[in-house]
PDB file of N, CA and C in Angstrom:
ATOM      1  N   MET A   1      48.551  74.864  55.688  1.00  0.00           N
ATOM      2  CA  MET A   1      47.975  75.638  56.778  1.00  0.00           C
ATOM      3  C   MET A   1      46.471  75.436  56.771  1.00  0.00           C
ATOM      4  N   ASN A   2      45.903  75.107  57.894  1.00  0.00           N
ATOM      5  CA  ASN A   2      44.447  75.001  58.005  1.00  0.00           C
ATOM      6  C   ASN A   2      43.866  76.381  58.221  1.00  0.00           C
ATOM      7  N   VAL A   3      42.760  76.658  57.532  1.00  0.00           N
ATOM      8  CA  VAL A   3      42.075  77.931  57.730  1.00  0.00           C
ATOM      9  C   VAL A   3      41.124  77.754  58.899  1.00  0.00           C
ATOM     10  N   PRO A   4      41.235  78.579  59.931  1.00  0.00           N
ATOM     11  CA  PRO A   4      40.363  78.436  61.086  1.00  0.00           C
ATOM     12  C   PRO A   4      38.941  78.869  60.782  1.00  0.00           C
ATOM     13  N   LEU A   5      38.070  78.714  61.752  1.00  0.00           N
ATOM     14  CA  LEU A   5      36.699  79.187  61.593  1.00  0.00           C
ATOM     15  C   LEU A   5      36.723  80.597  61.042  1.00  0.00           C
ATOM     16  N   HIS A   6      35.797  80.884  60.164  1.00  0.00           N
ATOM     17  CA  HIS A   6      35.919  82.092  59.359  1.00  0.00           C
ATOM     18  C   HIS A   6      35.355  83.363  59.968  1.00  0.00           C
ATOM     19  N   CYS A   7      34.735  83.332  61.124  1.00  0.00           N
ATOM     20  CA  CYS A   7      34.273  84.565  61.775  1.00  0.00           C
ATOM     21  C   CYS A   7      33.455  85.430  60.817  1.00  0.00           C
ATOM     22  N   ASP A   8      32.539  84.831  60.106  1.00  0.00           N
ATOM     23  CA  ASP A   8      31.675  85.542  59.162  1.00  0.00           C
ATOM     24  C   ASP A   8      32.413  86.120  57.959  1.00  0.00           C
ATOM     25  N   LEU A   9      33.552  85.575  57.640  1.00  0.00           N
ATOM     26  CA  LEU A   9      34.251  85.913  56.409  1.00  0.00           C
ATOM     27  C   LEU A   9      34.091  84.732  55.461  1.00  0.00           C
ATOM     28  N   ASP A  10      34.129  85.009  54.176  1.00  0.00           N
ATOM     29  CA  ASP A  10      33.908  83.977  53.171  1.00  0.00           C
ATOM     30  C   ASP A  10      35.015  82.922  53.212  1.00  0.00           C
ATOM     31  N   ALA A  11      34.621  81.689  53.456  1.00  0.00           N
ATOM     32  CA  ALA A  11      35.582  80.591  53.595  1.00  0.00           C
ATOM     33  C   ALA A  11      36.368  80.355  52.309  1.00  0.00           C
ATOM     34  N   GLU A  12      35.732  80.516  51.153  1.00  0.00           N
ATOM     35  CA  GLU A  12      36.443  80.305  49.884  1.00  0.00           C
ATOM     36  C   GLU A  12      37.534  81.350  49.680  1.00  0.00           C
ATOM     37  N   ALA A  13      37.229  82.602  50.015  1.00  0.00           N
ATOM     38  CA  ALA A  13      38.240  83.656  49.888  1.00  0.00           C
ATOM     39  C   ALA A  13      39.411  83.377  50.822  1.00  0.00           C
ATOM     40  N   LEU A  14      39.104  82.948  52.039  1.00  0.00           N
ATOM     41  CA  LEU A  14      40.166  82.632  52.997  1.00  0.00           C
ATOM     42  C   LEU A  14      40.987  81.431  52.535  1.00  0.00           C
ATOM     43  N   ALA A  15      40.324  80.456  51.934  1.00  0.00           N
ATOM     44  CA  ALA A  15      41.041  79.280  51.429  1.00  0.00           C
ATOM     45  C   ALA A  15      41.992  79.673  50.301  1.00  0.00           C
ATOM     46  N   ARG A  16      41.552  80.590  49.434  1.00  0.00           N
ATOM     47  CA  ARG A  16      42.432  81.058  48.350  1.00  0.00           C
ATOM     48  C   ARG A  16      43.676  81.733  48.928  1.00  0.00           C
ATOM     49  N   LEU A  17      43.482  82.521  49.978  1.00  0.00           N
ATOM     50  CA  LEU A  17      44.631  83.165  50.616  1.00  0.00           C
ATOM     51  C   LEU A  17      45.542  82.128  51.267  1.00  0.00           C
ATOM     52  N   ALA A  18      44.948  81.147  51.905  1.00  0.00           N
ATOM     53  CA  ALA A  18      45.732  80.098  52.569  1.00  0.00           C
ATOM     54  C   ALA A  18      46.571  79.320  51.560  1.00  0.00           C
ATOM     55  N   GLU A  19      46.062  79.148  50.347  1.00  0.00           N
ATOM     56  CA  GLU A  19      46.813  78.436  49.308  1.00  0.00           C
ATOM     57  C   GLU A  19      48.103  79.168  48.939  1.00  0.00           C
ATOM     58  N   LEU A  20      48.122  80.472  49.133  1.00  0.00           N
ATOM     59  CA  LEU A  20      49.315  81.258  48.816  1.00  0.00           C
ATOM     60  C   LEU A  20      50.425  81.062  49.844  1.00  0.00           C
ATOM     61  N   ASP A  21      50.057  80.557  51.017  1.00  0.00           N
ATOM     62  CA  ASP A  21      51.011  80.333  52.109  1.00  0.00           C
ATOM     63  C   ASP A  21      50.646  79.018  52.793  1.00  0.00           C
ATOM     64  N   PRO A  22      50.829  77.894  52.089  1.00  0.00           N
ATOM     65  CA  PRO A  22      50.317  76.612  52.583  1.00  0.00           C
ATOM     66  C   PRO A  22      50.836  76.198  53.956  1.00  0.00           C
ATOM     67  N   THR A  23      52.056  76.559  54.286  1.00  0.00           N
ATOM     68  CA  THR A  23      52.594  76.166  55.593  1.00  0.00           C
ATOM     69  C   THR A  23      52.255  77.182  56.673  1.00  0.00           C
ATOM     70  N   GLY A  24      51.854  78.366  56.267  1.00  0.00           N
ATOM     71  CA  GLY A  24      51.573  79.428  57.233  1.00  0.00           C
ATOM     72  C   GLY A  24      52.825  80.101  57.748  1.00  0.00           C
ATOM     73  N   GLN A  25      53.965  79.683  57.239  1.00  0.00           N
ATOM     74  CA  GLN A  25      55.239  80.190  57.730  1.00  0.00           C
ATOM     75  C   GLN A  25      55.395  81.697  57.526  1.00  0.00           C
ATOM     76  N   SER A  26      54.923  82.215  56.411  1.00  0.00           N
ATOM     77  CA  SER A  26      55.080  83.651  56.160  1.00  0.00           C
ATOM     78  C   SER A  26      53.974  84.480  56.812  1.00  0.00           C
ATOM     79  N   ARG A  27      53.002  83.807  57.417  1.00  0.00           N
ATOM     80  CA  ARG A  27      51.908  84.490  58.126  1.00  0.00           C
ATOM     81  C   ARG A  27      51.171  85.477  57.207  1.00  0.00           C
ATOM     82  N   LEU A  28      51.029  85.069  55.945  1.00  0.00           N
ATOM     83  CA  LEU A  28      50.398  85.929  54.950  1.00  0.00           C
ATOM     84  C   LEU A  28      48.994  86.341  55.362  1.00  0.00           C
ATOM     85  N   LEU A  29      48.178  85.391  55.774  1.00  0.00           N
ATOM     86  CA  LEU A  29      46.797  85.715  56.133  1.00  0.00           C
ATOM     87  C   LEU A  29      46.760  86.710  57.280  1.00  0.00           C
ATOM     88  N   LYS A  30      47.553  86.497  58.297  1.00  0.00           N
ATOM     89  CA  LYS A  30      47.583  87.412  59.439  1.00  0.00           C
ATOM     90  C   LYS A  30      48.011  88.810  58.999  1.00  0.00           C
ATOM     91  N   ARG A  31      49.015  88.877  58.136  1.00  0.00           N
ATOM     92  CA  ARG A  31      49.482  90.184  57.667  1.00  0.00           C
ATOM     93  C   ARG A  31      48.432  90.884  56.808  1.00  0.00           C
ATOM     94  N   LEU A  32      47.742  90.127  55.949  1.00  0.00           N
ATOM     95  CA  LEU A  32      46.687  90.727  55.123  1.00  0.00           C
ATOM     96  C   LEU A  32      45.534  91.236  55.983  1.00  0.00           C
ATOM     97  N   LEU A  33      45.159  90.461  56.986  1.00  0.00           N
ATOM     98  CA  LEU A  33      44.083  90.890  57.879  1.00  0.00           C
ATOM     99  C   LEU A  33      44.473  92.159  58.625  1.00  0.00           C
ATOM    100  N   ALA A  34      45.712  92.229  59.095  1.00  0.00           N
ATOM    101  CA  ALA A  34      46.177  93.420  59.812  1.00  0.00           C
ATOM    102  C   ALA A  34      46.187  94.635  58.897  1.00  0.00           C
ATOM    103  N   THR A  35      46.630  94.449  57.672  1.00  0.00           N
ATOM    104  CA  THR A  35      46.650  95.552  56.705  1.00  0.00           C
ATOM    105  C   THR A  35      45.236  96.031  56.404  1.00  0.00           C
ATOM    106  N   PHE A  36      44.321  95.093  56.193  1.00  0.00           N
ATOM    107  CA  PHE A  36      42.928  95.462  55.931  1.00  0.00           C
ATOM    108  C   PHE A  36      42.353  96.218  57.120  1.00  0.00           C
ATOM    109  N   ASP A  37      42.582  95.716  58.323  1.00  0.00           N
ATOM    110  CA  ASP A  37      42.062  96.349  59.535  1.00  0.00           C
ATOM    111  C   ASP A  37      42.558  97.789  59.646  1.00  0.00           C
ATOM    112  N   LYS A  38      43.843  97.998  59.412  1.00  0.00           N
ATOM    113  CA  LYS A  38      44.415  99.346  59.506  1.00  0.00           C
ATOM    114  C   LYS A  38      43.871 100.264  58.422  1.00  0.00           C
ATOM    115  N   SER A  39      43.717  99.741  57.224  1.00  0.00           N
ATOM    116  CA  SER A  39      43.276 100.592  56.113  1.00  0.00           C
ATOM    117  C   SER A  39      41.776 100.860  56.139  1.00  0.00           C
ATOM    118  N   LEU A  40      41.016 100.005  56.803  1.00  0.00           N
ATOM    119  CA  LEU A  40      39.559 100.158  56.797  1.00  0.00           C
ATOM    120  C   LEU A  40      39.131 101.487  57.408  1.00  0.00           C
ATOM    121  N   ASP A  41      39.679 101.853  58.556  1.00  0.00           N
ATOM    122  CA  ASP A  41      39.313 103.125  59.185  1.00  0.00           C
ATOM    123  C   ASP A  41      39.624 104.302  58.264  1.00  0.00           C
ATOM    124  N   ARG A  42      40.795 104.255  57.629  1.00  0.00           N
ATOM    125  CA  ARG A  42      41.193 105.330  56.729  1.00  0.00           C
ATOM    126  C   ARG A  42      40.238 105.430  55.537  1.00  0.00           C
ATOM    127  N   MET A  43      39.892 104.284  54.949  1.00  0.00           N
ATOM    128  CA  MET A  43      39.013 104.307  53.778  1.00  0.00           C
ATOM    129  C   MET A  43      37.598 104.744  54.144  1.00  0.00           C
ATOM    130  N   VAL A  44      37.113 104.316  55.302  1.00  0.00           N
ATOM    131  CA  VAL A  44      35.778 104.742  55.737  1.00  0.00           C
ATOM    132  C   VAL A  44      35.767 106.255  55.946  1.00  0.00           C
ATOM    133  N   LEU A  45      36.810 106.796  56.569  1.00  0.00           N
ATOM    134  CA  LEU A  45      36.899 108.243  56.765  1.00  0.00           C
ATOM    135  C   LEU A  45      36.933 108.966  55.417  1.00  0.00           C
ATOM    136  N   GLN A  46      37.732 108.466  54.483  1.00  0.00           N
ATOM    137  CA  GLN A  46      37.792 109.078  53.153  1.00  0.00           C
ATOM    138  C   GLN A  46      36.435 109.027  52.463  1.00  0.00           C
ATOM    139  N   LEU A  47      35.741 107.937  52.624  1.00  0.00           N
ATOM    140  CA  LEU A  47      34.423 107.782  52.012  1.00  0.00           C
ATOM    141  C   LEU A  47      33.434 108.774  52.608  1.00  0.00           C
ATOM    142  N   GLU A  48      33.450 108.914  53.921  1.00  0.00           N
ATOM    143  CA  GLU A  48      32.549 109.866  54.580  1.00  0.00           C
ATOM    144  C   GLU A  48      32.870 111.300  54.160  1.00  0.00           C
ATOM    145  N   GLN A  49      34.150 111.633  54.078  1.00  0.00           N
ATOM    146  CA  GLN A  49      34.539 112.979  53.660  1.00  0.00           C
ATOM    147  C   GLN A  49      34.109 113.248  52.223  1.00  0.00           C
ATOM    148  N   ALA A  50      34.296 112.277  51.350  1.00  0.00           N
ATOM    149  CA  ALA A  50      33.887 112.440  49.955  1.00  0.00           C
ATOM    150  C   ALA A  50      32.373 112.578  49.852  1.00  0.00           C
ATOM    151  N   ARG A  51      31.651 111.767  50.624  1.00  0.00           N
ATOM    152  CA  ARG A  51      30.186 111.859  50.636  1.00  0.00           C
ATOM    153  C   ARG A  51      29.750 113.241  51.109  1.00  0.00           C
ATOM    154  N   ASP A  52      30.335 113.713  52.216  1.00  0.00           N
ATOM    155  CA  ASP A  52      29.956 115.011  52.777  1.00  0.00           C
ATOM    156  C   ASP A  52      30.276 116.159  51.828  1.00  0.00           C
ATOM    157  N   ALA A  53      31.314 115.990  51.018  1.00  0.00           N
ATOM    158  CA  ALA A  53      31.691 117.008  50.038  1.00  0.00           C
ATOM    159  C   ALA A  53      30.951 116.829  48.718  1.00  0.00           C
ATOM    160  N   ALA A  54      30.081 115.828  48.643  1.00  0.00           N
ATOM    161  CA  ALA A  54      29.350 115.501  47.412  1.00  0.00           C
ATOM    162  C   ALA A  54      30.316 115.299  46.244  1.00  0.00           C
ATOM    163  N   ASP A  55      31.427 114.643  46.526  1.00  0.00           N
ATOM    164  CA  ASP A  55      32.472 114.384  45.538  1.00  0.00           C
ATOM    165  C   ASP A  55      32.287 112.969  44.982  1.00  0.00           C
ATOM    166  N   ALA A  56      31.443 112.859  43.962  1.00  0.00           N
ATOM    167  CA  ALA A  56      31.114 111.549  43.398  1.00  0.00           C
ATOM    168  C   ALA A  56      32.343 110.791  42.889  1.00  0.00           C
ATOM    169  N   PRO A  57      33.278 111.442  42.182  1.00  0.00           N
ATOM    170  CA  PRO A  57      34.457 110.690  41.735  1.00  0.00           C
ATOM    171  C   PRO A  57      35.269 110.109  42.905  1.00  0.00           C
ATOM    172  N   ALA A  58      35.377 110.852  43.991  1.00  0.00           N
ATOM    173  CA  ALA A  58      36.119 110.343  45.153  1.00  0.00           C
ATOM    174  C   ALA A  58      35.361 109.202  45.821  1.00  0.00           C
ATOM    175  N   VAL A  59      34.036 109.322  45.939  1.00  0.00           N
ATOM    176  CA  VAL A  59      33.235 108.229  46.496  1.00  0.00           C
ATOM    177  C   VAL A  59      33.425 106.984  45.637  1.00  0.00           C
ATOM    178  N   HIS A  60      33.369 107.168  44.330  1.00  0.00           N
ATOM    179  CA  HIS A  60      33.553 106.050  43.396  1.00  0.00           C
ATOM    180  C   HIS A  60      34.904 105.374  43.616  1.00  0.00           C
ATOM    181  N   LEU A  61      35.969 106.159  43.685  1.00  0.00           N
ATOM    182  CA  LEU A  61      37.318 105.613  43.825  1.00  0.00           C
ATOM    183  C   LEU A  61      37.493 104.854  45.144  1.00  0.00           C
ATOM    184  N   VAL A  62      37.052 105.457  46.242  1.00  0.00           N
ATOM    185  CA  VAL A  62      37.226 104.809  47.547  1.00  0.00           C
ATOM    186  C   VAL A  62      36.354 103.557  47.634  1.00  0.00           C
ATOM    187  N   ALA A  63      35.119 103.645  47.153  1.00  0.00           N
ATOM    188  CA  ALA A  63      34.234 102.474  47.183  1.00  0.00           C
ATOM    189  C   ALA A  63      34.820 101.344  46.337  1.00  0.00           C
ATOM    190  N   HIS A  64      35.406 101.690  45.204  1.00  0.00           N
ATOM    191  CA  HIS A  64      36.032 100.679  44.344  1.00  0.00           C
ATOM    192  C   HIS A  64      37.202  99.999  45.061  1.00  0.00           C
ATOM    193  N   THR A  65      38.047 100.792  45.680  1.00  0.00           N
ATOM    194  CA  THR A  65      39.206 100.251  46.397  1.00  0.00           C
ATOM    195  C   THR A  65      38.766  99.364  47.549  1.00  0.00           C
ATOM    196  N   LEU A  66      37.790  99.836  48.311  1.00  0.00           N
ATOM    197  CA  LEU A  66      37.302  99.074  49.458  1.00  0.00           C
ATOM    198  C   LEU A  66      36.585  97.803  49.005  1.00  0.00           C
ATOM    199  N   LYS A  67      35.904  97.878  47.871  1.00  0.00           N
ATOM    200  CA  LYS A  67      35.231  96.688  47.321  1.00  0.00           C
ATOM    201  C   LYS A  67      36.243  95.574  47.077  1.00  0.00           C
ATOM    202  N   SER A  68      37.337  95.925  46.457  1.00  0.00           N
ATOM    203  CA  SER A  68      38.353  94.925  46.126  1.00  0.00           C
ATOM    204  C   SER A  68      39.041  94.372  47.362  1.00  0.00           C
ATOM    205  N   SER A  69      39.445  95.244  48.266  1.00  0.00           N
ATOM    206  CA  SER A  69      40.176  94.764  49.443  1.00  0.00           C
ATOM    207  C   SER A  69      39.280  93.947  50.362  1.00  0.00           C
ATOM    208  N   SER A  70      38.018  94.326  50.478  1.00  0.00           N
ATOM    209  CA  SER A  70      37.117  93.555  51.338  1.00  0.00           C
ATOM    210  C   SER A  70      36.834  92.180  50.735  1.00  0.00           C
ATOM    211  N   ALA A  71      36.722  92.098  49.422  1.00  0.00           N
ATOM    212  CA  ALA A  71      36.527  90.790  48.784  1.00  0.00           C
ATOM    213  C   ALA A  71      37.751  89.902  48.987  1.00  0.00           C
ATOM    214  N   THR A  72      38.922  90.494  48.959  1.00  0.00           N
ATOM    215  CA  THR A  72      40.153  89.722  49.142  1.00  0.00           C
ATOM    216  C   THR A  72      40.178  89.006  50.485  1.00  0.00           C
ATOM    217  N   VAL A  73      39.727  89.691  51.550  1.00  0.00           N
ATOM    218  CA  VAL A  73      39.749  89.072  52.885  1.00  0.00           C
ATOM    219  C   VAL A  73      38.453  88.341  53.205  1.00  0.00           C
ATOM    220  N   GLY A  74      37.526  88.297  52.253  1.00  0.00           N
ATOM    221  CA  GLY A  74      36.301  87.530  52.449  1.00  0.00           C
ATOM    222  C   GLY A  74      35.146  88.284  53.073  1.00  0.00           C
ATOM    223  N   ALA A  75      35.246  89.599  53.151  1.00  0.00           N
ATOM    224  CA  ALA A  75      34.148  90.414  53.679  1.00  0.00           C
ATOM    225  C   ALA A  75      33.191  90.717  52.523  1.00  0.00           C
ATOM    226  N   MET A  76      32.450  89.692  52.118  1.00  0.00           N
ATOM    227  CA  MET A  76      31.668  89.776  50.887  1.00  0.00           C
ATOM    228  C   MET A  76      30.470  90.713  50.999  1.00  0.00           C
ATOM    229  N   ALA A  77      29.834  90.793  52.156  1.00  0.00           N
ATOM    230  CA  ALA A  77      28.700  91.713  52.304  1.00  0.00           C
ATOM    231  C   ALA A  77      29.174  93.154  52.132  1.00  0.00           C
ATOM    232  N   LEU A  78      30.324  93.470  52.694  1.00  0.00           N
ATOM    233  CA  LEU A  78      30.892  94.807  52.526  1.00  0.00           C
ATOM    234  C   LEU A  78      31.259  95.039  51.065  1.00  0.00           C
ATOM    235  N   SER A  79      31.854  94.061  50.432  1.00  0.00           N
ATOM    236  CA  SER A  79      32.235  94.195  49.031  1.00  0.00           C
ATOM    237  C   SER A  79      31.019  94.466  48.142  1.00  0.00           C
ATOM    238  N   ARG A  80      29.931  93.731  48.390  1.00  0.00           N
ATOM    239  CA  ARG A  80      28.703  93.949  47.594  1.00  0.00           C
ATOM    240  C   ARG A  80      28.138  95.349  47.826  1.00  0.00           C
ATOM    241  N   GLN A  81      28.166  95.801  49.064  1.00  0.00           N
ATOM    242  CA  GLN A  81      27.642  97.134  49.367  1.00  0.00           C
ATOM    243  C   GLN A  81      28.508  98.202  48.707  1.00  0.00           C
ATOM    244  N   CYS A  82      29.808  98.003  48.724  1.00  0.00           N
ATOM    245  CA  CYS A  82      30.715  98.935  48.052  1.00  0.00           C
ATOM    246  C   CYS A  82      30.436  98.986  46.555  1.00  0.00           C
ATOM    247  N   ALA A  83      30.153  97.842  45.954  1.00  0.00           N
ATOM    248  CA  ALA A  83      29.863  97.792  44.520  1.00  0.00           C
ATOM    249  C   ALA A  83      28.630  98.616  44.186  1.00  0.00           C
ATOM    250  N   MET A  84      27.618  98.528  45.042  1.00  0.00           N
ATOM    251  CA  MET A  84      26.395  99.296  44.809  1.00  0.00           C
ATOM    252  C   MET A  84      26.672 100.798  44.915  1.00  0.00           C
ATOM    253  N   VAL A  85      27.393 101.202  45.956  1.00  0.00           N
ATOM    254  CA  VAL A  85      27.722 102.623  46.132  1.00  0.00           C
ATOM    255  C   VAL A  85      28.631 103.091  44.999  1.00  0.00           C
ATOM    256  N   GLU A  86      29.581 102.268  44.626  1.00  0.00           N
ATOM    257  CA  GLU A  86      30.486 102.597  43.526  1.00  0.00           C
ATOM    258  C   GLU A  86      29.701 102.859  42.239  1.00  0.00           C
ATOM    259  N   ASP A  87      28.748 102.004  41.947  1.00  0.00           N
ATOM    260  CA  ASP A  87      27.949 102.148  40.731  1.00  0.00           C
ATOM    261  C   ASP A  87      27.149 103.448  40.739  1.00  0.00           C
ATOM    262  N   LEU A  88      26.513 103.747  41.857  1.00  0.00           N
ATOM    263  CA  LEU A  88      25.736 104.990  41.941  1.00  0.00           C
ATOM    264  C   LEU A  88      26.642 106.213  41.859  1.00  0.00           C
ATOM    265  N   ALA A  89      27.797 106.162  42.494  1.00  0.00           N
ATOM    266  CA  ALA A  89      28.729 107.294  42.442  1.00  0.00           C
ATOM    267  C   ALA A  89      29.251 107.491  41.023  1.00  0.00           C
ATOM    268  N   ARG A  90      29.503 106.394  40.313  1.00  0.00           N
ATOM    269  CA  ARG A  90      29.961 106.490  38.924  1.00  0.00           C
ATOM    270  C   ARG A  90      28.936 107.248  38.083  1.00  0.00           C
ATOM    271  N   GLN A  91      27.660 107.074  38.421  1.00  0.00           N
ATOM    272  CA  GLN A  91      26.577 107.736  37.694  1.00  0.00           C
ATOM    273  C   GLN A  91      26.230 109.098  38.301  1.00  0.00           C
ATOM    274  N   ASN A  92      27.038 109.550  39.266  1.00  0.00           N
ATOM    275  CA  ASN A  92      26.830 110.832  39.949  1.00  0.00           C
ATOM    276  C   ASN A  92      25.465 110.896  40.632  1.00  0.00           C
ATOM    277  N   ARG A  93      25.058 109.783  41.232  1.00  0.00           N
ATOM    278  CA  ARG A  93      23.754 109.694  41.900  1.00  0.00           C
ATOM    279  C   ARG A  93      23.961 109.511  43.406  1.00  0.00           C
ATOM    280  N   LEU A  94      24.695 110.449  44.008  1.00  0.00           N
ATOM    281  CA  LEU A  94      25.035 110.322  45.427  1.00  0.00           C
ATOM    282  C   LEU A  94      23.818 110.403  46.332  1.00  0.00           C
ATOM    283  N   ALA A  95      22.826 111.205  45.957  1.00  0.00           N
ATOM    284  CA  ALA A  95      21.624 111.293  46.796  1.00  0.00           C
ATOM    285  C   ALA A  95      20.955 109.927  46.901  1.00  0.00           C
ATOM    286  N   GLU A  96      20.940 109.195  45.804  1.00  0.00           N
ATOM    287  CA  GLU A  96      20.344 107.855  45.808  1.00  0.00           C
ATOM    288  C   GLU A  96      21.207 106.851  46.566  1.00  0.00           C
ATOM    289  N   ALA A  97      22.469 107.176  46.744  1.00  0.00           N
ATOM    290  CA  ALA A  97      23.392 106.262  47.427  1.00  0.00           C
ATOM    291  C   ALA A  97      23.385 106.439  48.942  1.00  0.00           C
ATOM    292  N   ALA A  98      22.591 107.376  49.462  1.00  0.00           N
ATOM    293  CA  ALA A  98      22.626 107.681  50.900  1.00  0.00           C
ATOM    294  C   ALA A  98      22.335 106.457  51.761  1.00  0.00           C
ATOM    295  N   ASP A  99      21.268 105.732  51.446  1.00  0.00           N
ATOM    296  CA  ASP A  99      20.954 104.528  52.224  1.00  0.00           C
ATOM    297  C   ASP A  99      22.053 103.478  52.067  1.00  0.00           C
ATOM    298  N   GLY A 100      22.561 103.352  50.866  1.00  0.00           N
ATOM    299  CA  GLY A 100      23.642 102.408  50.617  1.00  0.00           C
ATOM    300  C   GLY A 100      24.903 102.761  51.390  1.00  0.00           C
ATOM    301  N   MET A 101      25.166 104.046  51.529  1.00  0.00           N
ATOM    302  CA  MET A 101      26.322 104.492  52.309  1.00  0.00           C
ATOM    303  C   MET A 101      26.145 104.132  53.779  1.00  0.00           C
ATOM    304  N   ARG A 102      24.940 104.346  54.297  1.00  0.00           N
ATOM    305  CA  ARG A 102      24.682 103.988  55.701  1.00  0.00           C
ATOM    306  C   ARG A 102      24.889 102.490  55.906  1.00  0.00           C
ATOM    307  N   GLN A 103      24.376 101.687  54.980  1.00  0.00           N
ATOM    308  CA  GLN A 103      24.551 100.243  55.087  1.00  0.00           C
ATOM    309  C   GLN A 103      26.021  99.860  54.930  1.00  0.00           C
ATOM    310  N   LEU A 104      26.725 100.548  54.058  1.00  0.00           N
ATOM    311  CA  LEU A 104      28.146 100.288  53.869  1.00  0.00           C
ATOM    312  C   LEU A 104      28.902 100.501  55.181  1.00  0.00           C
ATOM    313  N   LEU A 105      28.575 101.561  55.910  1.00  0.00           N
ATOM    314  CA  LEU A 105      29.246 101.829  57.182  1.00  0.00           C
ATOM    315  C   LEU A 105      28.956 100.734  58.199  1.00  0.00           C
ATOM    316  N   LEU A 106      27.732 100.227  58.198  1.00  0.00           N
ATOM    317  CA  LEU A 106      27.392  99.110  59.092  1.00  0.00           C
ATOM    318  C   LEU A 106      28.161  97.852  58.697  1.00  0.00           C
ATOM    319  N   GLU A 107      28.232  97.588  57.408  1.00  0.00           N
ATOM    320  CA  GLU A 107      28.967  96.415  56.930  1.00  0.00           C
ATOM    321  C   GLU A 107      30.464  96.550  57.218  1.00  0.00           C
ATOM    322  N   ALA A 108      30.977  97.775  57.146  1.00  0.00           N
ATOM    323  CA  ALA A 108      32.392  97.991  57.460  1.00  0.00           C
ATOM    324  C   ALA A 108      32.673  97.652  58.920  1.00  0.00           C
ATOM    325  N   ALA A 109      31.769  98.047  59.807  1.00  0.00           N
ATOM    326  CA  ALA A 109      31.937  97.721  61.230  1.00  0.00           C
ATOM    327  C   ALA A 109      31.888  96.210  61.443  1.00  0.00           C
ATOM    328  N   ALA A 110      30.973  95.542  60.761  1.00  0.00           N
ATOM    329  CA  ALA A 110      30.871  94.084  60.881  1.00  0.00           C
ATOM    330  C   ALA A 110      32.124  93.405  60.324  1.00  0.00           C
ATOM    331  N   ALA A 111      32.627  93.908  59.213  1.00  0.00           N
ATOM    332  CA  ALA A 111      33.843  93.340  58.618  1.00  0.00           C
ATOM    333  C   ALA A 111      35.032  93.526  59.554  1.00  0.00           C
ATOM    334  N   ARG A 112      35.116  94.692  60.173  1.00  0.00           N
ATOM    335  CA  ARG A 112      36.203  94.954  61.116  1.00  0.00           C
ATOM    336  C   ARG A 112      36.180  93.927  62.245  1.00  0.00           C
ATOM    337  N   GLU A 113      35.002  93.679  62.793  1.00  0.00           N
ATOM    338  CA  GLU A 113      34.882  92.703  63.879  1.00  0.00           C
ATOM    339  C   GLU A 113      35.247  91.295  63.405  1.00  0.00           C
ATOM    340  N   ALA A 114      34.807  90.937  62.212  1.00  0.00           N
ATOM    341  CA  ALA A 114      35.108  89.606  61.680  1.00  0.00           C
ATOM    342  C   ALA A 114      36.603  89.427  61.448  1.00  0.00           C
ATOM    343  N   VAL A 115      37.238  90.453  60.914  1.00  0.00           N
ATOM    344  CA  VAL A 115      38.678  90.396  60.662  1.00  0.00           C
ATOM    345  C   VAL A 115      39.441  90.291  61.979  1.00  0.00           C
ATOM    346  N   ARG A 116      39.020  91.062  62.961  1.00  0.00           N
ATOM    347  CA  ARG A 116      39.688  91.001  64.268  1.00  0.00           C
ATOM    348  C   ARG A 116      39.452  89.653  64.941  1.00  0.00           C
ATOM    349  N   CYS A 117      38.268  89.090  64.763  1.00  0.00           N
ATOM    350  CA  CYS A 117      37.964  87.766  65.303  1.00  0.00           C
ATOM    351  C   CYS A 117      38.909  86.728  64.711  1.00  0.00           C
ATOM    352  N   LEU A 118      39.047  86.736  63.403  1.00  0.00           N
ATOM    353  CA  LEU A 118      39.920  85.761  62.756  1.00  0.00           C
ATOM    354  C   LEU A 118      41.375  85.996  63.139  1.00  0.00           C
ATOM    355  N   ALA A 119      41.792  87.251  63.204  1.00  0.00           N
ATOM    356  CA  ALA A 119      43.173  87.547  63.599  1.00  0.00           C
ATOM    357  C   ALA A 119      43.453  87.008  64.996  1.00  0.00           C
ATOM    358  N   ALA A 120      42.485  87.135  65.898  1.00  0.00           N
ATOM    359  CA  ALA A 120      42.656  86.605  67.256  1.00  0.00           C
ATOM    360  C   ALA A 120      42.763  85.084  67.230  1.00  0.00           C
ATOM    361  N   LYS A 121      41.964  84.442  66.387  1.00  0.00           N
ATOM    362  CA  LYS A 121      42.035  82.979  66.268  1.00  0.00           C
ATOM    363  C   LYS A 121      43.393  82.542  65.731  1.00  0.00           C
ATOM    364  N   LEU A 122      43.947  83.323  64.829  1.00  0.00           N
ATOM    365  CA  LEU A 122      45.259  82.988  64.277  1.00  0.00           C
ATOM    366  C   LEU A 122      46.361  83.138  65.323  1.00  0.00           C
ATOM    367  N   GLU A 123      46.132  83.980  66.317  1.00  0.00           N
ATOM    368  CA  GLU A 123      47.102  84.173  67.394  1.00  0.00           C
ATOM    369  C   GLU A 123      47.027  83.076  68.440  1.00  0.00           C
ATOM    370  N   THR A 124      45.875  82.385  68.517  1.00  0.00           N
ATOM    371  CA  THR A 124      45.685  81.344  69.519  1.00  0.00           C
ATOM    372  C   THR A 124      46.482  80.106  69.120  1.00  0.00           C
ATOM    373  N   PRO A 125      47.369  79.634  69.989  1.00  0.00           N
ATOM    374  CA  PRO A 125      48.152  78.437  69.651  1.00  0.00           C
ATOM    375  C   PRO A 125      47.248  77.232  69.419  1.00  0.00           C
ATOM    376  N   ALA A 126      47.677  76.343  68.538  1.00  0.00           N
ATOM    377  CA  ALA A 126      46.914  75.120  68.249  1.00  0.00           C
ATOM    378  C   ALA A 126      46.709  74.344  69.542  1.00  0.00           C
ATOM    379  N   GLY A 127      45.493  73.869  69.738  1.00  0.00           N
ATOM    380  CA  GLY A 127      45.164  73.101  70.928  1.00  0.00           C
ATOM    381  C   GLY A 127      44.662  73.949  72.072  1.00  0.00           C
ATOM    382  N   ALA A 128      44.896  75.262  72.015  1.00  0.00           N
ATOM    383  CA  ALA A 128      44.383  76.143  73.072  1.00  0.00           C
ATOM    384  C   ALA A 128      42.958  76.512  72.751  1.00  0.00           C
ATOM    385  N   ALA A 129      42.149  76.718  73.752  1.00  0.00           N
ATOM    386  CA  ALA A 129      40.766  77.111  73.533  1.00  0.00           C
ATOM    387  C   ALA A 129      40.570  78.371  74.211  1.00  0.00           C
TER     388      ALA A 129
END
């Protein structure tokens, strides 16, 4: 399976996923992108609720989960931002994480668009423009 243009997602991460489904027959990449897209809104909401409740352990847990899933689909900027917020939350330094949280939300929106862009490309039949 050829990996299409990456829509601002990490090409190496996408290539690793493509290797798991070389023929594309199981549509693994499309299914992973759809799962990430659906879970992103839920995780962002959980993160905002944890932040608003000043619940550092919950911020840490959600940021950790989102860090891993975003790296899997190649949303590396989001993954890096999650790592920073995760680290500060682990240290119970939520006030210091405020700017990082704002940036994380921006990166989440960008990742959502990139994932949807790639999903749309995967839906486009070969040869169609």
